[in-house]
Structures are given as C-alpha cells and as structure tokens.
Amino acid sequence: MRFADTKSETLNLRVSPTFKQVLKQAADHEQRSMVNMLEVLLGDYCDRNGIVSPGQKPAPAPAHKRARAARRARVGAAS
C-alpha cells in the first residue's frame, strides 16, 4: 500500500524514549525520515494483512496463499 495523497493531517504521538530511539535507528539505517519509516512499516503491514485504504482495490493474494487455498479446496472436495 502506498500513501500518495497530500499530507495535510497532523498526528501527535506520545511514545516511550526507547520506541523513538529504535524508530530513529531504523529510519537512519534505511535513509528515511521517521514519518516515512512509519508509512513504509504500516504499508507493509496492510499489504500482508489485506487491509486496503478507501477507494483502493484489494491486491490479489500472493501465489503461495492462492496455492494453499486451492489445495484446501481440493482436499475438502475429496471428502
């Protein structure tokens, strides 16, 4: 998932010093800002869990999940 719309909203978060330090280290390692790091992490989470933003079509399941579902359907039909 990508967040391509214009950034116009403000979100204030209260986090522990450790959380902020780890977020900064991760962002620095990826050469990103902390906000962009959070966007990437949230986008990856949404992609893995089938969460879509309003107005966006759901992405097709990865091939290994489609194959697993097909195997389950065949096993269920054989019973």
Protein backbone atom coordinates (compact mmCIF):
# COMPACT_ATOMS: atom_id res chain seq x y z
CA MET A 1 0.00 0.00 0.00
CA ARG A 2 1.24 3.45 -0.84
CA PHE A 3 0.08 6.69 0.73
CA ALA A 4 0.22 9.01 -2.25
CA ASP A 5 -2.27 11.65 -1.15
CA THR A 6 -1.08 15.07 0.03
CA LYS A 7 -0.02 15.22 3.65
CA SER A 8 -2.48 17.59 5.24
CA GLU A 9 -3.31 15.88 8.55
CA THR A 10 -1.41 16.21 11.80
CA LEU A 11 -0.93 13.30 14.18
CA ASN A 12 0.75 13.74 17.54
CA LEU A 13 2.01 10.57 19.20
CA ARG A 14 3.30 10.05 22.71
CA VAL A 15 5.84 7.23 22.66
CA SER A 16 8.49 5.92 25.00
CA PRO A 17 12.05 7.19 24.59
CA THR A 18 13.09 3.66 23.63
CA PHE A 19 10.47 3.44 20.87
CA LYS A 20 11.59 6.78 19.47
CA GLN A 21 15.27 5.79 19.60
CA VAL A 22 14.64 2.47 17.83
CA LEU A 23 12.44 4.18 15.21
CA LYS A 24 15.19 6.72 14.57
CA GLN A 25 17.83 3.97 14.24
CA ALA A 26 15.64 2.02 11.80
CA ALA A 27 14.88 5.16 9.78
CA ASP A 28 18.55 6.17 9.68
CA HIS A 29 19.53 2.66 8.58
CA GLU A 30 17.05 2.90 5.66
CA GLN A 31 17.96 6.57 4.99
CA ARG A 32 14.36 7.64 5.65
CA SER A 33 12.65 10.13 7.90
CA MET A 34 10.89 8.70 10.93
CA VAL A 35 7.49 9.56 9.42
CA ASN A 36 8.39 7.85 6.15
CA MET A 37 9.63 4.80 8.08
CA LEU A 38 6.27 4.56 9.84
CA GLU A 39 4.47 4.89 6.47
CA VAL A 40 6.56 2.07 4.99
CA LEU A 41 6.01 -0.17 8.02
CA LEU A 42 2.25 0.48 8.02
CA GLY A 43 2.03 -0.04 4.27
CA ASP A 44 3.86 -3.38 4.54
CA TYR A 45 1.59 -4.47 7.41
CA CYS A 46 -1.52 -3.57 5.41
CA ASP A 47 -0.23 -5.43 2.34
CA ARG A 48 0.46 -8.57 4.37
CA ASN A 49 -2.95 -8.49 6.06
CA GLY A 50 -5.17 -7.49 3.14
CA ILE A 51 -6.03 -4.06 4.53
CA VAL A 52 -6.82 -1.51 1.83
CA SER A 53 -7.32 2.22 2.02
CA PRO A 54 -10.66 3.71 0.96
CA GLY A 55 -11.10 3.70 -2.82
CA GLN A 56 -8.32 1.16 -3.40
CA LYS A 57 -8.90 -2.33 -4.81
CA PRO A 58 -7.60 -5.21 -2.73
CA ALA A 59 -4.40 -6.72 -4.08
CA PRO A 60 -4.56 -10.35 -5.17
CA ALA A 61 -3.28 -12.86 -2.63
CA PRO A 62 0.35 -13.90 -3.04
CA ALA A 63 0.84 -17.02 -5.17
CA HIS A 64 1.72 -19.26 -2.19
CA LYS A 65 -1.54 -18.33 -0.44
CA ARG A 66 -3.56 -18.95 -3.60
CA ALA A 67 -1.90 -22.36 -3.97
CA ARG A 68 -2.61 -23.24 -0.33
CA ALA A 69 -6.27 -22.22 -0.71
CA ALA A 70 -6.56 -24.33 -3.89
CA ARG A 71 -5.10 -27.37 -2.08
CA ARG A 72 -7.55 -26.93 0.78
CA ALA A 73 -10.44 -26.71 -1.68
CA ARG A 74 -9.34 -29.93 -3.41
CA VAL A 75 -8.94 -31.78 -0.10
CA GLY A 76 -12.34 -30.55 1.07
CA ALA A 77 -13.99 -31.61 -2.21
CA ALA A 78 -12.47 -35.11 -1.95
CA SER A 79 -14.12 -35.75 1.44
